[in-house]
Amino acid sequence: MKNNFILLELNHRNEIRADVNMTIKSLDITKIGHINVKIDTGCPYTVYGR
């Protein structure tokens, strides 16, 4: 099955984080691996469980 979305869950600190692997061709960076990034939603706070 192929989906057009990624399901991410809030962690215990109400953050959305993901481990990523990436390539940035314009900077000649070919491999960046297993970096844990926090995804900024633009919301100043997170309401969880309300």
PDB file of N, CA and C in Angstrom:
ATOM      1  N   MET A   1       0.842  -1.179   0.000  1.00  0.00           N
ATOM      2  CA  MET A   1       0.000   0.000   0.000  1.00  0.00           C
ATOM      3  C   MET A   1       0.887   1.241   0.000  1.00  0.00           C
ATOM      4  N   LYS A   2       0.493   2.225  -0.755  1.00  0.00           N
ATOM      5  CA  LYS A   2       1.262   3.458  -0.866  1.00  0.00           C
ATOM      6  C   LYS A   2       0.423   4.620  -0.331  1.00  0.00           C
ATOM      7  N   ASN A   3       0.980   5.366   0.614  1.00  0.00           N
ATOM      8  CA  ASN A   3       0.272   6.502   1.205  1.00  0.00           C
ATOM      9  C   ASN A   3       0.954   7.808   0.829  1.00  0.00           C
ATOM     10  N   ASN A   4       0.194   8.875   0.812  1.00  0.00           N
ATOM     11  CA  ASN A   4       0.736  10.200   0.525  1.00  0.00           C
ATOM     12  C   ASN A   4       0.875  11.031   1.783  1.00  0.00           C
ATOM     13  N   PHE A   5       1.083  10.392   2.907  1.00  0.00           N
ATOM     14  CA  PHE A   5       1.250  11.106   4.164  1.00  0.00           C
ATOM     15  C   PHE A   5       2.155  10.319   5.088  1.00  0.00           C
ATOM     16  N   ILE A   6       2.629  10.996   6.111  1.00  0.00           N
ATOM     17  CA  ILE A   6       3.446  10.376   7.156  1.00  0.00           C
ATOM     18  C   ILE A   6       2.708  10.577   8.468  1.00  0.00           C
ATOM     19  N   LEU A   7       2.535   9.529   9.237  1.00  0.00           N
ATOM     20  CA  LEU A   7       1.879   9.622  10.533  1.00  0.00           C
ATOM     21  C   LEU A   7       2.955   9.769  11.604  1.00  0.00           C
ATOM     22  N   LEU A   8       2.949  10.904  12.289  1.00  0.00           N
ATOM     23  CA  LEU A   8       3.880  11.158  13.384  1.00  0.00           C
ATOM     24  C   LEU A   8       3.075  11.365  14.657  1.00  0.00           C
ATOM     25  N   GLU A   9       3.597  10.914  15.778  1.00  0.00           N
ATOM     26  CA  GLU A   9       2.905  11.049  17.051  1.00  0.00           C
ATOM     27  C   GLU A   9       3.696  11.961  17.984  1.00  0.00           C
ATOM     28  N   LEU A  10       2.964  12.629  18.873  1.00  0.00           N
ATOM     29  CA  LEU A  10       3.617  13.451  19.891  1.00  0.00           C
ATOM     30  C   LEU A  10       4.377  12.542  20.852  1.00  0.00           C
ATOM     31  N   ASN A  11       5.557  12.979  21.264  1.00  0.00           N
ATOM     32  CA  ASN A  11       6.289  12.214  22.265  1.00  0.00           C
ATOM     33  C   ASN A  11       5.849  12.654  23.662  1.00  0.00           C
ATOM     34  N   HIS A  12       6.513  12.153  24.689  1.00  0.00           N
ATOM     35  CA  HIS A  12       6.116  12.465  26.073  1.00  0.00           C
ATOM     36  C   HIS A  12       6.309  13.937  26.429  1.00  0.00           C
ATOM     37  N   ARG A  13       7.057  14.681  25.614  1.00  0.00           N
ATOM     38  CA  ARG A  13       7.253  16.122  25.840  1.00  0.00           C
ATOM     39  C   ARG A  13       6.379  16.968  24.913  1.00  0.00           C
ATOM     40  N   ASN A  14       5.367  16.341  24.306  1.00  0.00           N
ATOM     41  CA  ASN A  14       4.458  17.001  23.361  1.00  0.00           C
ATOM     42  C   ASN A  14       5.195  17.611  22.166  1.00  0.00           C
ATOM     43  N   GLU A  15       6.216  16.904  21.691  1.00  0.00           N
ATOM     44  CA  GLU A  15       6.972  17.326  20.518  1.00  0.00           C
ATOM     45  C   GLU A  15       6.697  16.342  19.385  1.00  0.00           C
ATOM     46  N   ILE A  16       6.828  16.844  18.163  1.00  0.00           N
ATOM     47  CA  ILE A  16       6.799  15.964  16.995  1.00  0.00           C
ATOM     48  C   ILE A  16       8.230  15.872  16.494  1.00  0.00           C
ATOM     49  N   ARG A  17       8.789  14.670  16.519  1.00  0.00           N
ATOM     50  CA  ARG A  17      10.166  14.434  16.093  1.00  0.00           C
ATOM     51  C   ARG A  17      10.205  13.288  15.106  1.00  0.00           C
ATOM     52  N   ALA A  18      11.230  13.301  14.263  1.00  0.00           N
ATOM     53  CA  ALA A  18      11.415  12.221  13.301  1.00  0.00           C
ATOM     54  C   ALA A  18      12.904  12.026  13.050  1.00  0.00           C
ATOM     55  N   ASP A  19      13.297  10.780  12.805  1.00  0.00           N
ATOM     56  CA  ASP A  19      14.660  10.469  12.384  1.00  0.00           C
ATOM     57  C   ASP A  19      14.692  10.580  10.868  1.00  0.00           C
ATOM     58  N   VAL A  20      15.665  11.323  10.340  1.00  0.00           N
ATOM     59  CA  VAL A  20      15.716  11.548   8.893  1.00  0.00           C
ATOM     60  C   VAL A  20      17.076  11.183   8.313  1.00  0.00           C
ATOM     61  N   ASN A  21      17.049  10.828   7.045  1.00  0.00           N
ATOM     62  CA  ASN A  21      18.232  10.653   6.208  1.00  0.00           C
ATOM     63  C   ASN A  21      18.003  11.559   5.013  1.00  0.00           C
ATOM     64  N   MET A  22      19.021  12.322   4.626  1.00  0.00           N
ATOM     65  CA  MET A  22      18.789  13.239   3.513  1.00  0.00           C
ATOM     66  C   MET A  22      20.041  13.498   2.697  1.00  0.00           C
ATOM     67  N   THR A  23      19.806  14.066   1.517  1.00  0.00           N
ATOM     68  CA  THR A  23      20.848  14.504   0.602  1.00  0.00           C
ATOM     69  C   THR A  23      20.520  15.927   0.168  1.00  0.00           C
ATOM     70  N   ILE A  24      21.540  16.796   0.158  1.00  0.00           N
ATOM     71  CA  ILE A  24      21.351  18.169  -0.328  1.00  0.00           C
ATOM     72  C   ILE A  24      22.284  18.336  -1.523  1.00  0.00           C
ATOM     73  N   LYS A  25      21.740  18.125  -2.715  1.00  0.00           N
ATOM     74  CA  LYS A  25      22.558  18.132  -3.932  1.00  0.00           C
ATOM     75  C   LYS A  25      23.187  19.497  -4.202  1.00  0.00           C
ATOM     76  N   SER A  26      22.478  20.582  -3.919  1.00  0.00           N
ATOM     77  CA  SER A  26      23.006  21.914  -4.219  1.00  0.00           C
ATOM     78  C   SER A  26      24.229  22.260  -3.369  1.00  0.00           C
ATOM     79  N   LEU A  27      24.404  21.590  -2.236  1.00  0.00           N
ATOM     80  CA  LEU A  27      25.577  21.821  -1.382  1.00  0.00           C
ATOM     81  C   LEU A  27      26.582  20.672  -1.468  1.00  0.00           C
ATOM     82  N   ASP A  28      26.376  19.758  -2.399  1.00  0.00           N
ATOM     83  CA  ASP A  28      27.221  18.566  -2.550  1.00  0.00           C
ATOM     84  C   ASP A  28      27.317  17.741  -1.271  1.00  0.00           C
ATOM     85  N   ILE A  29      26.244  17.714  -0.506  1.00  0.00           N
ATOM     86  CA  ILE A  29      26.165  16.852   0.678  1.00  0.00           C
ATOM     87  C   ILE A  29      25.379  15.627   0.245  1.00  0.00           C
ATOM     88  N   THR A  30      26.049  14.481   0.238  1.00  0.00           N
ATOM     89  CA  THR A  30      25.401  13.297  -0.311  1.00  0.00           C
ATOM     90  C   THR A  30      24.761  12.411   0.750  1.00  0.00           C
ATOM     91  N   LYS A  31      25.220  12.454   1.961  1.00  0.00           N
ATOM     92  CA  LYS A  31      24.610  11.584   2.966  1.00  0.00           C
ATOM     93  C   LYS A  31      24.624  12.253   4.335  1.00  0.00           C
ATOM     94  N   ILE A  32      23.453  12.478   4.860  1.00  0.00           N
ATOM     95  CA  ILE A  32      23.270  12.874   6.253  1.00  0.00           C
ATOM     96  C   ILE A  32      22.316  11.832   6.809  1.00  0.00           C
ATOM     97  N   GLY A  33      22.725  11.107   7.822  1.00  0.00           N
ATOM     98  CA  GLY A  33      21.892   9.992   8.259  1.00  0.00           C
ATOM     99  C   GLY A  33      21.556   9.989   9.721  1.00  0.00           C
ATOM    100  N   HIS A  34      20.396   9.463   9.984  1.00  0.00           N
ATOM    101  CA  HIS A  34      19.890   9.232  11.341  1.00  0.00           C
ATOM    102  C   HIS A  34      19.969  10.473  12.222  1.00  0.00           C
ATOM    103  N   ILE A  35      19.449  11.584  11.727  1.00  0.00           N
ATOM    104  CA  ILE A  35      19.406  12.827  12.495  1.00  0.00           C
ATOM    105  C   ILE A  35      18.009  12.959  13.072  1.00  0.00           C
ATOM    106  N   ASN A  36      17.923  13.191  14.368  1.00  0.00           N
ATOM    107  CA  ASN A  36      16.629  13.374  15.017  1.00  0.00           C
ATOM    108  C   ASN A  36      16.263  14.849  14.948  1.00  0.00           C
ATOM    109  N   VAL A  37      15.201  15.174  14.218  1.00  0.00           N
ATOM    110  CA  VAL A  37      14.802  16.566  14.049  1.00  0.00           C
ATOM    111  C   VAL A  37      13.441  16.813  14.694  1.00  0.00           C
ATOM    112  N   LYS A  38      13.287  18.000  15.221  1.00  0.00           N
ATOM    113  CA  LYS A  38      12.003  18.432  15.757  1.00  0.00           C
ATOM    114  C   LYS A  38      11.275  19.161  14.639  1.00  0.00           C
ATOM    115  N   ILE A  39      10.019  18.798  14.410  1.00  0.00           N
ATOM    116  CA  ILE A  39       9.240  19.399  13.337  1.00  0.00           C
ATOM    117  C   ILE A  39       8.462  20.574  13.901  1.00  0.00           C
ATOM    118  N   ASP A  40       8.725  21.754  13.354  1.00  0.00           N
ATOM    119  CA  ASP A  40       8.080  22.984  13.808  1.00  0.00           C
ATOM    120  C   ASP A  40       6.763  23.160  13.073  1.00  0.00           C
ATOM    121  N   THR A  41       5.674  23.152  13.815  1.00  0.00           N
ATOM    122  CA  THR A  41       4.352  23.302  13.207  1.00  0.00           C
ATOM    123  C   THR A  41       3.935  24.763  13.114  1.00  0.00           C
ATOM    124  N   GLY A  42       4.685  25.658  13.760  1.00  0.00           N
ATOM    125  CA  GLY A  42       4.327  27.067  13.771  1.00  0.00           C
ATOM    126  C   GLY A  42       3.399  27.437  14.911  1.00  0.00           C
ATOM    127  N   CYS A  43       2.924  26.445  15.629  1.00  0.00           N
ATOM    128  CA  CYS A  43       2.023  26.689  16.756  1.00  0.00           C
ATOM    129  C   CYS A  43       2.854  27.008  17.999  1.00  0.00           C
ATOM    130  N   PRO A  44       2.521  28.070  18.763  1.00  0.00           N
ATOM    131  CA  PRO A  44       3.328  28.431  19.930  1.00  0.00           C
ATOM    132  C   PRO A  44       3.224  27.432  21.080  1.00  0.00           C
ATOM    133  N   TYR A  45       2.201  26.591  21.075  1.00  0.00           N
ATOM    134  CA  TYR A  45       2.066  25.561  22.102  1.00  0.00           C
ATOM    135  C   TYR A  45       1.272  24.397  21.518  1.00  0.00           C
ATOM    136  N   THR A  46       1.311  23.282  22.204  1.00  0.00           N
ATOM    137  CA  THR A  46       0.598  22.100  21.734  1.00  0.00           C
ATOM    138  C   THR A  46      -0.479  21.749  22.745  1.00  0.00           C
ATOM    139  N   VAL A  47      -1.677  21.538  22.298  1.00  0.00           N
ATOM    140  CA  VAL A  47      -2.768  21.090  23.167  1.00  0.00           C
ATOM    141  C   VAL A  47      -2.901  19.593  22.952  1.00  0.00           C
ATOM    142  N   TYR A  48      -2.690  18.825  23.994  1.00  0.00           N
ATOM    143  CA  TYR A  48      -2.693  17.383  23.881  1.00  0.00           C
ATOM    144  C   TYR A  48      -3.685  16.789  24.871  1.00  0.00           C
ATOM    145  N   GLY A  49      -4.540  15.952  24.375  1.00  0.00           N
ATOM    146  CA  GLY A  49      -5.457  15.245  25.249  1.00  0.00           C
ATOM    147  C   GLY A  49      -6.650  16.048  25.746  1.00  0.00           C
ATOM    148  N   ARG A  50      -7.002  17.111  25.055  1.00  0.00           N
ATOM    149  CA  ARG A  50      -8.168  17.889  25.479  1.00  0.00           C
ATOM    150  C   ARG A  50      -9.365  17.518  24.677  1.00  0.00           C
TER     151      ARG A  50
END
